[in-house]
Amino acid sequence: MGPRRSSRLKFTFALLVLLLVLFLTRGLWLSAMGEALVHDEGPGKADVAVVLAGDYWGYRLQHAAELVKQGYVPRILVSGPPGFYGTNESDAAIHWALQQGYPPEWFVAVPHQATSTLAEAKVMLTYMRQHNIHSFLLVTSNYHTARARRIFLGAERDSGGGPEMRVVAAPDKYFTPEAWWQSREGRKTAFMEWTKTVTRVFGI
């Protein structure tokens, strides 16, 4: 056996061993990938809750409404980019919340034209500064919390400071950090969020 073939066999064997180890330990590293997307500080007293856009099932808004009910915040700022068929997302979200029985005075629509979490952060932080809001709970889907936190902290830093922030993760029907790979929707969610996380490093 020549040295070149021997090297190829060693490489192939090492690769197979690596793949076997990855397969046998997949629960550990896949869970770690899911956990890395989540940053949940839990609720605390604040002036308002800020619900980010992009959840069309109402999990974020419902979680924030429960925080009002529990006495953590008196009202909710609902981020509102352009929605489907000319309906602003904050209007649609608040309409849905009222149908669930939550009082209208809990919700404040903040319509805007932002098309990214960064642009959304700038809009919401500007609104809070203009309305003398000193602290807020940032409520978004669990898989979105880590990236949203970094974006909001960066936006606050770039603007010379901002309200005190606490990140609260809303549960998602399709994504749980310890089992996201077991469903198609969970895999799609993790793939999209990791793609956005990585591309943000390169300014894309």
N, C-alpha and C. Protein backbone atom coordinates (compact mmCIF):
# COMPACT_ATOMS: atom_id res chain seq x y z
N MET A 1 0.84 -1.19 0.00
CA MET A 1 0.00 0.00 0.00
C MET A 1 0.88 1.25 0.00
N GLY A 2 0.64 2.14 -0.95
CA GLY A 2 1.43 3.36 -1.06
C GLY A 2 1.10 4.34 0.04
N PRO A 3 2.03 5.29 0.29
CA PRO A 3 1.80 6.28 1.35
C PRO A 3 0.59 7.17 1.09
N ARG A 4 0.32 7.46 -0.20
CA ARG A 4 -0.81 8.34 -0.52
C ARG A 4 -2.13 7.66 -0.18
N ARG A 5 -2.22 6.35 -0.55
CA ARG A 5 -3.45 5.61 -0.25
C ARG A 5 -3.63 5.43 1.26
N SER A 6 -2.52 5.20 1.94
CA SER A 6 -2.57 5.05 3.40
C SER A 6 -3.08 6.33 4.06
N SER A 7 -2.64 7.47 3.56
CA SER A 7 -3.09 8.76 4.12
C SER A 7 -4.58 8.95 3.89
N ARG A 8 -5.05 8.56 2.69
CA ARG A 8 -6.48 8.70 2.38
C ARG A 8 -7.32 7.82 3.30
N LEU A 9 -6.84 6.60 3.55
CA LEU A 9 -7.58 5.69 4.43
C LEU A 9 -7.64 6.23 5.86
N LYS A 10 -6.52 6.78 6.32
CA LYS A 10 -6.49 7.36 7.67
C LYS A 10 -7.45 8.54 7.77
N PHE A 11 -7.46 9.36 6.72
CA PHE A 11 -8.35 10.52 6.72
C PHE A 11 -9.81 10.07 6.72
N THR A 12 -10.11 9.06 5.88
CA THR A 12 -11.48 8.55 5.80
C THR A 12 -11.92 7.95 7.13
N PHE A 13 -11.02 7.20 7.76
CA PHE A 13 -11.35 6.60 9.05
C PHE A 13 -11.60 7.67 10.11
N ALA A 14 -10.73 8.67 10.14
CA ALA A 14 -10.88 9.76 11.11
C ALA A 14 -12.19 10.51 10.89
N LEU A 15 -12.54 10.72 9.61
CA LEU A 15 -13.79 11.41 9.29
C LEU A 15 -14.99 10.59 9.75
N LEU A 16 -14.94 9.28 9.53
CA LEU A 16 -16.04 8.41 9.95
C LEU A 16 -16.20 8.41 11.47
N VAL A 17 -15.07 8.39 12.17
CA VAL A 17 -15.11 8.43 13.63
C VAL A 17 -15.73 9.75 14.10
N LEU A 18 -15.31 10.86 13.46
CA LEU A 18 -15.85 12.17 13.82
C LEU A 18 -17.36 12.22 13.59
N LEU A 19 -17.80 11.71 12.43
CA LEU A 19 -19.23 11.71 12.13
C LEU A 19 -20.01 10.85 13.12
N LEU A 20 -19.41 9.73 13.52
CA LEU A 20 -20.06 8.86 14.50
C LEU A 20 -20.20 9.56 15.85
N VAL A 21 -19.14 10.24 16.27
CA VAL A 21 -19.17 10.97 17.54
C VAL A 21 -20.22 12.08 17.49
N LEU A 22 -20.26 12.82 16.37
CA LEU A 22 -21.25 13.88 16.22
C LEU A 22 -22.67 13.32 16.27
N PHE A 23 -22.86 12.17 15.64
CA PHE A 23 -24.19 11.55 15.63
C PHE A 23 -24.60 11.12 17.03
N LEU A 24 -23.67 10.50 17.75
CA LEU A 24 -23.99 9.98 19.07
C LEU A 24 -24.20 11.09 20.10
N THR A 25 -23.57 12.23 19.86
CA THR A 25 -23.68 13.35 20.81
C THR A 25 -24.57 14.47 20.28
N ARG A 26 -25.37 14.18 19.26
CA ARG A 26 -26.13 15.23 18.58
C ARG A 26 -27.08 15.97 19.53
N GLY A 27 -27.61 15.25 20.51
CA GLY A 27 -28.51 15.91 21.45
C GLY A 27 -27.83 17.02 22.22
N LEU A 28 -26.55 16.84 22.53
CA LEU A 28 -25.81 17.84 23.29
C LEU A 28 -25.51 19.08 22.46
N TRP A 29 -24.90 18.88 21.27
CA TRP A 29 -24.49 20.07 20.51
C TRP A 29 -25.65 20.74 19.79
N LEU A 30 -26.67 19.98 19.44
CA LEU A 30 -27.84 20.62 18.85
C LEU A 30 -28.59 21.45 19.90
N SER A 31 -28.66 20.93 21.12
CA SER A 31 -29.26 21.71 22.21
C SER A 31 -28.46 22.98 22.47
N ALA A 32 -27.13 22.84 22.43
CA ALA A 32 -26.27 24.01 22.66
C ALA A 32 -26.50 25.07 21.59
N MET A 33 -26.70 24.63 20.35
CA MET A 33 -26.99 25.58 19.27
C MET A 33 -28.31 26.30 19.52
N GLY A 34 -29.29 25.57 20.04
CA GLY A 34 -30.57 26.20 20.36
C GLY A 34 -30.46 27.16 21.52
N GLU A 35 -29.76 26.74 22.57
CA GLU A 35 -29.59 27.59 23.75
C GLU A 35 -28.85 28.88 23.42
N ALA A 36 -27.93 28.81 22.47
CA ALA A 36 -27.14 30.00 22.11
C ALA A 36 -28.00 31.10 21.51
N LEU A 37 -29.17 30.75 21.00
CA LEU A 37 -30.07 31.75 20.41
C LEU A 37 -30.93 32.45 21.46
N VAL A 38 -30.95 31.91 22.67
CA VAL A 38 -31.89 32.38 23.70
C VAL A 38 -31.15 33.17 24.78
N HIS A 39 -31.69 34.34 25.10
CA HIS A 39 -31.20 35.12 26.25
C HIS A 39 -32.43 35.62 27.00
N ASP A 40 -32.78 34.93 28.06
CA ASP A 40 -34.00 35.24 28.82
C ASP A 40 -33.62 35.68 30.23
N GLU A 41 -33.87 36.94 30.54
CA GLU A 41 -33.57 37.47 31.87
C GLU A 41 -34.76 37.41 32.81
N GLY A 42 -35.91 36.99 32.28
CA GLY A 42 -37.10 36.91 33.11
C GLY A 42 -37.70 38.29 33.34
N PRO A 43 -38.95 38.33 33.76
CA PRO A 43 -39.63 39.63 33.93
C PRO A 43 -39.18 40.37 35.18
N GLY A 44 -39.38 41.67 35.15
CA GLY A 44 -39.13 42.55 36.28
C GLY A 44 -39.95 43.81 36.09
N LYS A 45 -40.04 44.63 37.10
CA LYS A 45 -40.80 45.87 37.00
C LYS A 45 -40.16 46.81 35.98
N ALA A 46 -40.98 47.43 35.14
CA ALA A 46 -40.49 48.37 34.14
C ALA A 46 -41.61 49.33 33.76
N ASP A 47 -41.23 50.38 33.03
CA ASP A 47 -42.23 51.37 32.60
C ASP A 47 -43.17 50.80 31.55
N VAL A 48 -42.61 50.02 30.62
CA VAL A 48 -43.41 49.45 29.53
C VAL A 48 -42.81 48.11 29.11
N ALA A 49 -43.59 47.36 28.35
CA ALA A 49 -43.08 46.22 27.59
C ALA A 49 -43.04 46.63 26.13
N VAL A 50 -42.03 46.20 25.42
CA VAL A 50 -41.92 46.45 23.98
C VAL A 50 -42.00 45.11 23.28
N VAL A 51 -43.02 44.95 22.45
CA VAL A 51 -43.21 43.70 21.70
C VAL A 51 -42.73 43.90 20.27
N LEU A 52 -41.73 43.13 19.89
CA LEU A 52 -41.20 43.25 18.54
C LEU A 52 -42.11 42.57 17.52
N ALA A 53 -42.04 43.07 16.31
CA ALA A 53 -42.88 42.55 15.22
C ALA A 53 -42.32 41.22 14.70
N GLY A 54 -43.11 40.56 13.89
CA GLY A 54 -42.64 39.35 13.22
C GLY A 54 -43.25 38.06 13.72
N ASP A 55 -44.10 38.14 14.74
CA ASP A 55 -44.76 36.94 15.26
C ASP A 55 -46.23 37.02 14.86
N TYR A 56 -46.62 36.21 13.90
CA TYR A 56 -47.98 36.29 13.37
C TYR A 56 -48.95 35.36 14.10
N TRP A 57 -48.49 34.73 15.18
CA TRP A 57 -49.34 33.82 15.94
C TRP A 57 -49.79 34.43 17.27
N GLY A 58 -49.18 35.55 17.65
CA GLY A 58 -49.60 36.23 18.87
C GLY A 58 -48.89 35.80 20.14
N TYR A 59 -47.88 34.93 20.04
CA TYR A 59 -47.20 34.46 21.25
C TYR A 59 -46.50 35.60 21.99
N ARG A 60 -45.84 36.48 21.26
CA ARG A 60 -45.12 37.59 21.90
C ARG A 60 -46.09 38.53 22.60
N LEU A 61 -47.14 38.91 21.89
CA LEU A 61 -48.10 39.86 22.44
C LEU A 61 -48.85 39.27 23.63
N GLN A 62 -49.21 38.02 23.52
CA GLN A 62 -49.92 37.38 24.63
C GLN A 62 -49.03 37.28 25.86
N HIS A 63 -47.76 36.98 25.65
CA HIS A 63 -46.83 36.90 26.77
C HIS A 63 -46.69 38.26 27.45
N ALA A 64 -46.60 39.31 26.63
CA ALA A 64 -46.50 40.67 27.18
C ALA A 64 -47.77 41.04 27.94
N ALA A 65 -48.92 40.66 27.39
CA ALA A 65 -50.19 40.97 28.06
C ALA A 65 -50.27 40.29 29.42
N GLU A 66 -49.73 39.09 29.52
CA GLU A 66 -49.71 38.41 30.81
C GLU A 66 -48.79 39.13 31.80
N LEU A 67 -47.74 39.77 31.29
CA LEU A 67 -46.86 40.55 32.16
C LEU A 67 -47.59 41.76 32.73
N VAL A 68 -48.46 42.37 31.91
CA VAL A 68 -49.29 43.47 32.42
C VAL A 68 -50.24 42.93 33.50
N LYS A 69 -50.86 41.82 33.20
CA LYS A 69 -51.81 41.22 34.15
C LYS A 69 -51.13 40.89 35.49
N GLN A 70 -49.85 40.50 35.41
CA GLN A 70 -49.11 40.14 36.63
C GLN A 70 -48.51 41.36 37.34
N GLY A 71 -48.67 42.55 36.74
CA GLY A 71 -48.24 43.77 37.40
C GLY A 71 -46.81 44.22 37.14
N TYR A 72 -46.16 43.61 36.16
CA TYR A 72 -44.78 44.00 35.87
C TYR A 72 -44.70 45.33 35.11
N VAL A 73 -45.64 45.55 34.21
CA VAL A 73 -45.67 46.79 33.42
C VAL A 73 -47.12 47.26 33.30
N PRO A 74 -47.33 48.58 33.10
CA PRO A 74 -48.70 49.08 32.96
C PRO A 74 -49.23 49.04 31.54
N ARG A 75 -48.32 49.02 30.55
CA ARG A 75 -48.79 49.03 29.16
C ARG A 75 -47.73 48.44 28.24
N ILE A 76 -48.13 48.24 26.99
CA ILE A 76 -47.30 47.56 26.00
C ILE A 76 -47.16 48.42 24.75
N LEU A 77 -45.94 48.65 24.31
CA LEU A 77 -45.70 49.28 23.02
C LEU A 77 -45.61 48.19 21.97
N VAL A 78 -46.50 48.25 20.99
CA VAL A 78 -46.57 47.20 19.96
C VAL A 78 -45.93 47.72 18.68
N SER A 79 -44.80 47.15 18.33
CA SER A 79 -44.08 47.56 17.12
C SER A 79 -44.89 47.23 15.88
N GLY A 80 -44.97 48.20 14.95
CA GLY A 80 -45.86 48.01 13.81
C GLY A 80 -45.28 48.36 12.46
N PRO A 81 -44.53 47.45 11.85
CA PRO A 81 -44.11 47.66 10.46
C PRO A 81 -45.27 47.42 9.51
N PRO A 82 -45.10 47.73 8.23
CA PRO A 82 -46.16 47.44 7.26
C PRO A 82 -46.50 45.96 7.27
N GLY A 83 -47.79 45.64 7.22
CA GLY A 83 -48.21 44.25 7.25
C GLY A 83 -48.78 43.80 5.92
N PHE A 84 -49.62 42.79 5.97
CA PHE A 84 -50.20 42.23 4.76
C PHE A 84 -51.40 43.05 4.29
N TYR A 85 -51.52 43.22 2.98
CA TYR A 85 -52.66 43.88 2.36
C TYR A 85 -52.94 45.26 2.95
N GLY A 86 -51.86 45.99 3.23
CA GLY A 86 -52.01 47.36 3.69
C GLY A 86 -52.39 47.53 5.15
N THR A 87 -52.42 46.45 5.90
CA THR A 87 -52.76 46.53 7.33
C THR A 87 -51.48 46.59 8.15
N ASN A 88 -51.34 47.62 8.96
CA ASN A 88 -50.16 47.73 9.81
C ASN A 88 -50.15 46.60 10.83
N GLU A 89 -48.97 46.04 11.07
CA GLU A 89 -48.89 44.87 11.95
C GLU A 89 -49.34 45.18 13.38
N SER A 90 -49.03 46.37 13.87
CA SER A 90 -49.44 46.70 15.24
C SER A 90 -50.97 46.79 15.35
N ASP A 91 -51.61 47.31 14.32
CA ASP A 91 -53.08 47.38 14.33
C ASP A 91 -53.69 45.98 14.34
N ALA A 92 -53.14 45.11 13.50
CA ALA A 92 -53.64 43.73 13.44
C ALA A 92 -53.39 43.00 14.75
N ALA A 93 -52.21 43.23 15.33
CA ALA A 93 -51.86 42.56 16.59
C ALA A 93 -52.77 43.00 17.73
N ILE A 94 -53.00 44.30 17.83
CA ILE A 94 -53.85 44.81 18.91
C ILE A 94 -55.29 44.35 18.73
N HIS A 95 -55.76 44.34 17.49
CA HIS A 95 -57.10 43.83 17.20
C HIS A 95 -57.23 42.38 17.68
N TRP A 96 -56.20 41.59 17.42
CA TRP A 96 -56.20 40.19 17.87
C TRP A 96 -56.23 40.11 19.39
N ALA A 97 -55.42 40.96 20.05
CA ALA A 97 -55.35 40.94 21.51
C ALA A 97 -56.70 41.30 22.14
N LEU A 98 -57.40 42.25 21.54
CA LEU A 98 -58.72 42.63 22.06
C LEU A 98 -59.70 41.47 21.91
N GLN A 99 -59.56 40.72 20.83
CA GLN A 99 -60.43 39.55 20.64
C GLN A 99 -60.17 38.48 21.70
N GLN A 100 -58.96 38.48 22.26
CA GLN A 100 -58.62 37.52 23.31
C GLN A 100 -59.11 37.99 24.68
N GLY A 101 -59.68 39.21 24.73
CA GLY A 101 -60.25 39.70 25.97
C GLY A 101 -59.37 40.65 26.76
N TYR A 102 -58.24 41.06 26.19
CA TYR A 102 -57.36 41.99 26.91
C TYR A 102 -57.88 43.42 26.72
N PRO A 103 -57.75 44.29 27.73
CA PRO A 103 -58.27 45.66 27.66
C PRO A 103 -57.50 46.52 26.66
N PRO A 104 -58.18 47.37 25.90
CA PRO A 104 -57.51 48.20 24.89
C PRO A 104 -56.51 49.18 25.48
N GLU A 105 -56.72 49.62 26.73
CA GLU A 105 -55.81 50.61 27.31
C GLU A 105 -54.43 50.03 27.63
N TRP A 106 -54.27 48.73 27.51
CA TRP A 106 -52.96 48.13 27.74
C TRP A 106 -52.00 48.34 26.56
N PHE A 107 -52.53 48.66 25.39
CA PHE A 107 -51.73 48.60 24.17
C PHE A 107 -51.54 49.97 23.52
N VAL A 108 -50.32 50.22 23.07
CA VAL A 108 -50.00 51.44 22.33
C VAL A 108 -49.34 51.03 21.02
N ALA A 109 -49.98 51.37 19.91
CA ALA A 109 -49.42 51.05 18.59
C ALA A 109 -48.30 52.02 18.25
N VAL A 110 -47.20 51.48 17.74
CA VAL A 110 -46.08 52.31 17.28
C VAL A 110 -45.80 51.94 15.83
N PRO A 111 -46.56 52.54 14.89
CA PRO A 111 -46.37 52.22 13.47
C PRO A 111 -45.07 52.81 12.93
N HIS A 112 -44.46 52.11 12.00
CA HIS A 112 -43.21 52.57 11.39
C HIS A 112 -42.99 51.84 10.07
N GLN A 113 -41.87 52.15 9.42
CA GLN A 113 -41.56 51.54 8.13
C GLN A 113 -40.32 50.66 8.20
N ALA A 114 -39.90 50.27 9.37
CA ALA A 114 -38.67 49.47 9.53
C ALA A 114 -38.82 48.09 8.89
N THR A 115 -37.74 47.61 8.31
CA THR A 115 -37.74 46.29 7.67
C THR A 115 -36.68 45.37 8.25
N SER A 116 -36.09 45.74 9.38
CA SER A 116 -35.09 44.90 10.04
C SER A 116 -35.18 45.13 11.54
N THR A 117 -34.62 44.22 12.31
CA THR A 117 -34.63 44.39 13.77
C THR A 117 -33.83 45.61 14.17
N LEU A 118 -32.74 45.90 13.46
CA LEU A 118 -31.93 47.08 13.78
C LEU A 118 -32.73 48.37 13.57
N ALA A 119 -33.39 48.47 12.42
CA ALA A 119 -34.21 49.66 12.15
C ALA A 119 -35.36 49.75 13.14
N GLU A 120 -35.92 48.62 13.49
CA GLU A 120 -37.01 48.57 14.47
C GLU A 120 -36.51 49.05 15.84
N ALA A 121 -35.31 48.62 16.22
CA ALA A 121 -34.74 49.04 17.50
C ALA A 121 -34.57 50.56 17.55
N LYS A 122 -34.09 51.14 16.47
CA LYS A 122 -33.89 52.59 16.44
C LYS A 122 -35.21 53.33 16.59
N VAL A 123 -36.25 52.82 15.93
CA VAL A 123 -37.58 53.45 16.02
C VAL A 123 -38.12 53.37 17.45
N MET A 124 -38.05 52.18 18.04
CA MET A 124 -38.62 51.99 19.37
C MET A 124 -37.84 52.75 20.44
N LEU A 125 -36.52 52.79 20.31
CA LEU A 125 -35.71 53.55 21.27
C LEU A 125 -35.97 55.05 21.16
N THR A 126 -36.12 55.52 19.93
CA THR A 126 -36.44 56.94 19.73
C THR A 126 -37.79 57.27 20.34
N TYR A 127 -38.77 56.41 20.13
CA TYR A 127 -40.10 56.62 20.70
C TYR A 127 -40.02 56.70 22.23
N MET A 128 -39.27 55.79 22.82
CA MET A 128 -39.19 55.78 24.29
C MET A 128 -38.48 57.01 24.83
N ARG A 129 -37.45 57.47 24.13
CA ARG A 129 -36.77 58.70 24.57
C ARG A 129 -37.72 59.89 24.49
N GLN A 130 -38.50 59.95 23.40
CA GLN A 130 -39.43 61.06 23.21
C GLN A 130 -40.55 61.06 24.24
N HIS A 131 -40.87 59.90 24.78
CA HIS A 131 -41.97 59.79 25.74
C HIS A 131 -41.47 59.57 27.17
N ASN A 132 -40.20 59.88 27.39
CA ASN A 132 -39.63 59.87 28.75
C ASN A 132 -39.79 58.52 29.44
N ILE A 133 -39.55 57.46 28.69
CA ILE A 133 -39.61 56.10 29.23
C ILE A 133 -38.20 55.68 29.65
N HIS A 134 -38.05 55.24 30.89
CA HIS A 134 -36.72 54.98 31.45
C HIS A 134 -36.36 53.50 31.54
N SER A 135 -37.33 52.63 31.43
CA SER A 135 -37.05 51.19 31.51
C SER A 135 -38.09 50.42 30.71
N PHE A 136 -37.67 49.29 30.16
CA PHE A 136 -38.62 48.49 29.38
C PHE A 136 -38.24 47.02 29.39
N LEU A 137 -39.25 46.18 29.20
CA LEU A 137 -39.06 44.76 28.99
C LEU A 137 -39.11 44.50 27.49
N LEU A 138 -38.06 43.95 26.94
CA LEU A 138 -38.03 43.63 25.52
C LEU A 138 -38.59 42.22 25.34
N VAL A 139 -39.78 42.13 24.78
CA VAL A 139 -40.46 40.84 24.65
C VAL A 139 -40.41 40.39 23.19
N THR A 140 -39.83 39.24 22.97
CA THR A 140 -39.77 38.68 21.63
C THR A 140 -39.70 37.16 21.75
N SER A 141 -39.77 36.47 20.63
CA SER A 141 -39.74 35.01 20.64
C SER A 141 -38.43 34.50 21.22
N ASN A 142 -38.47 33.36 21.90
CA ASN A 142 -37.28 32.84 22.57
C ASN A 142 -36.07 32.76 21.64
N TYR A 143 -36.26 32.26 20.42
CA TYR A 143 -35.14 32.10 19.49
C TYR A 143 -34.57 33.43 19.01
N HIS A 144 -35.31 34.51 19.20
CA HIS A 144 -34.92 35.84 18.70
C HIS A 144 -34.26 36.69 19.78
N THR A 145 -34.29 36.23 21.03
CA THR A 145 -33.90 37.09 22.15
C THR A 145 -32.42 37.48 22.13
N ALA A 146 -31.53 36.53 21.89
CA ALA A 146 -30.10 36.83 21.96
C ALA A 146 -29.71 37.86 20.90
N ARG A 147 -30.18 37.65 19.69
CA ARG A 147 -29.84 38.58 18.60
C ARG A 147 -30.49 39.94 18.83
N ALA A 148 -31.76 39.94 19.25
CA ALA A 148 -32.46 41.21 19.50
C ALA A 148 -31.76 41.99 20.61
N ARG A 149 -31.32 41.31 21.64
CA ARG A 149 -30.62 41.98 22.74
C ARG A 149 -29.35 42.66 22.23
N ARG A 150 -28.56 41.94 21.45
CA ARG A 150 -27.32 42.53 20.93
C ARG A 150 -27.62 43.75 20.06
N ILE A 151 -28.66 43.66 19.26
CA ILE A 151 -29.01 44.76 18.37
C ILE A 151 -29.47 45.98 19.17
N PHE A 152 -30.32 45.77 20.16
CA PHE A 152 -30.80 46.90 20.97
C PHE A 152 -29.67 47.53 21.77
N LEU A 153 -28.80 46.71 22.34
CA LEU A 153 -27.67 47.26 23.09
C LEU A 153 -26.75 48.07 22.18
N GLY A 154 -26.53 47.56 20.96
CA GLY A 154 -25.71 48.29 20.00
C GLY A 154 -26.34 49.60 19.59
N ALA A 155 -27.66 49.58 19.37
CA ALA A 155 -28.37 50.81 18.99
C ALA A 155 -28.34 51.83 20.13
N GLU A 156 -28.48 51.36 21.36
CA GLU A 156 -28.40 52.27 22.51
C GLU A 156 -27.00 52.87 22.61
N ARG A 157 -25.99 52.03 22.42
CA ARG A 157 -24.61 52.51 22.50
C ARG A 157 -24.33 53.55 21.42
N ASP A 158 -24.80 53.29 20.21
CA ASP A 158 -24.55 54.21 19.09
C ASP A 158 -25.25 55.55 19.28
N SER A 159 -26.35 55.55 20.03
CA SER A 159 -27.11 56.79 20.22
C SER A 159 -26.78 57.47 21.55
N GLY A 160 -25.77 56.96 22.23
CA GLY A 160 -25.35 57.59 23.48
C GLY A 160 -26.11 57.16 24.71
N GLY A 161 -26.79 56.03 24.63
CA GLY A 161 -27.52 55.51 25.78
C GLY A 161 -29.00 55.39 25.52
N GLY A 162 -29.69 54.77 26.46
CA GLY A 162 -31.12 54.58 26.30
C GLY A 162 -31.74 54.03 27.56
N PRO A 163 -33.01 53.68 27.52
CA PRO A 163 -33.69 53.16 28.70
C PRO A 163 -33.07 51.84 29.18
N GLU A 164 -33.25 51.56 30.44
CA GLU A 164 -32.79 50.29 31.00
C GLU A 164 -33.62 49.15 30.40
N MET A 165 -32.94 48.10 29.94
CA MET A 165 -33.62 47.03 29.22
C MET A 165 -33.49 45.70 29.95
N ARG A 166 -34.56 44.94 29.90
CA ARG A 166 -34.56 43.57 30.42
C ARG A 166 -35.23 42.69 29.36
N VAL A 167 -34.57 41.62 28.95
CA VAL A 167 -35.07 40.78 27.86
C VAL A 167 -35.92 39.64 28.41
N VAL A 168 -37.11 39.49 27.84
CA VAL A 168 -38.03 38.45 28.27
C VAL A 168 -38.40 37.59 27.07
N ALA A 169 -38.18 36.30 27.17
CA ALA A 169 -38.44 35.38 26.07
C ALA A 169 -39.88 34.89 26.09
N ALA A 170 -40.55 35.04 24.97
CA ALA A 170 -41.89 34.48 24.81
C ALA A 170 -41.77 33.08 24.22
N PRO A 171 -42.52 32.12 24.72
CA PRO A 171 -42.43 30.77 24.16
C PRO A 171 -42.92 30.74 22.72
N ASP A 172 -42.38 29.81 21.96
CA ASP A 172 -42.77 29.66 20.56
C ASP A 172 -43.26 28.23 20.33
N LYS A 173 -44.30 28.10 19.57
CA LYS A 173 -44.91 26.79 19.34
C LYS A 173 -43.94 25.82 18.68
N TYR A 174 -43.08 26.32 17.80
CA TYR A 174 -42.25 25.44 16.99
C TYR A 174 -40.80 25.35 17.43
N PHE A 175 -40.38 26.23 18.35
CA PHE A 175 -38.97 26.23 18.74
C PHE A 175 -38.80 26.06 20.24
N THR A 176 -38.13 24.98 20.61
CA THR A 176 -37.65 24.81 21.98
C THR A 176 -36.17 24.49 21.87
N PRO A 177 -35.31 25.13 22.67
CA PRO A 177 -33.86 24.95 22.52
C PRO A 177 -33.41 23.50 22.60
N GLU A 178 -34.09 22.70 23.41
CA GLU A 178 -33.64 21.33 23.62
C GLU A 178 -34.22 20.33 22.61
N ALA A 179 -35.07 20.79 21.69
CA ALA A 179 -35.69 19.82 20.77
C ALA A 179 -36.04 20.43 19.42
N TRP A 180 -35.44 21.56 19.04
CA TRP A 180 -35.84 22.27 17.82
C TRP A 180 -35.65 21.44 16.56
N TRP A 181 -34.68 20.53 16.54
CA TRP A 181 -34.36 19.76 15.33
C TRP A 181 -35.35 18.63 15.07
N GLN A 182 -36.28 18.42 15.98
CA GLN A 182 -37.20 17.30 15.83
C GLN A 182 -38.44 17.63 15.00
N SER A 183 -38.58 18.87 14.57
CA SER A 183 -39.70 19.24 13.70
C SER A 183 -39.20 20.10 12.55
N ARG A 184 -39.90 20.04 11.44
CA ARG A 184 -39.51 20.81 10.26
C ARG A 184 -39.53 22.30 10.56
N GLU A 185 -40.59 22.78 11.22
CA GLU A 185 -40.69 24.20 11.53
C GLU A 185 -39.59 24.64 12.50
N GLY A 186 -39.25 23.77 13.43
CA GLY A 186 -38.16 24.08 14.36
C GLY A 186 -36.84 24.20 13.64
N ARG A 187 -36.58 23.30 12.70
CA ARG A 187 -35.34 23.36 11.92
C ARG A 187 -35.29 24.62 11.07
N LYS A 188 -36.41 24.97 10.46
CA LYS A 188 -36.47 26.19 9.65
C LYS A 188 -36.20 27.43 10.51
N THR A 189 -36.81 27.46 11.68
CA THR A 189 -36.63 28.61 12.57
C THR A 189 -35.18 28.76 12.99
N ALA A 190 -34.56 27.65 13.41
CA ALA A 190 -33.16 27.70 13.84
C ALA A 190 -32.25 28.09 12.68
N PHE A 191 -32.50 27.54 11.50
CA PHE A 191 -31.67 27.85 10.34
C PHE A 191 -31.75 29.34 10.01
N MET A 192 -32.96 29.89 9.97
CA MET A 192 -33.13 31.30 9.64
C MET A 192 -32.47 32.20 10.68
N GLU A 193 -32.64 31.86 11.96
CA GLU A 193 -32.09 32.71 13.01
C GLU A 193 -30.56 32.65 13.04
N TRP A 194 -30.00 31.46 12.82
CA TRP A 194 -28.54 31.36 12.77
C TRP A 194 -27.99 32.06 11.54
N THR A 195 -28.72 31.99 10.43
CA THR A 195 -28.29 32.70 9.22
C THR A 195 -28.25 34.20 9.47
N LYS A 196 -29.28 34.74 10.10
CA LYS A 196 -29.32 36.17 10.41
C LYS A 196 -28.24 36.55 11.42
N THR A 197 -27.99 35.66 12.37
CA THR A 197 -26.97 35.92 13.39
C THR A 197 -25.58 36.01 12.76
N VAL A 198 -25.28 35.07 11.87
CA VAL A 198 -23.96 35.03 11.24
C VAL A 198 -23.79 36.16 10.24
N THR A 199 -24.81 36.39 9.40
CA THR A 199 -24.67 37.43 8.38
C THR A 199 -24.58 38.82 8.98
N ARG A 200 -25.15 39.01 10.17
CA ARG A 200 -25.05 40.32 10.82
C ARG A 200 -23.59 40.66 11.14
N VAL A 201 -22.79 39.64 11.43
CA VAL A 201 -21.37 39.87 11.72
C VAL A 201 -20.68 40.54 10.53
N PHE A 202 -21.14 40.19 9.33
CA PHE A 202 -20.54 40.73 8.10
C PHE A 202 -21.30 41.94 7.57
N GLY A 203 -22.27 42.43 8.35
CA GLY A 203 -23.01 43.61 7.95
C GLY A 203 -23.98 43.39 6.81
N ILE A 204 -24.42 42.15 6.64
CA ILE A 204 -25.35 41.82 5.54
C ILE A 204 -26.79 41.95 6.03
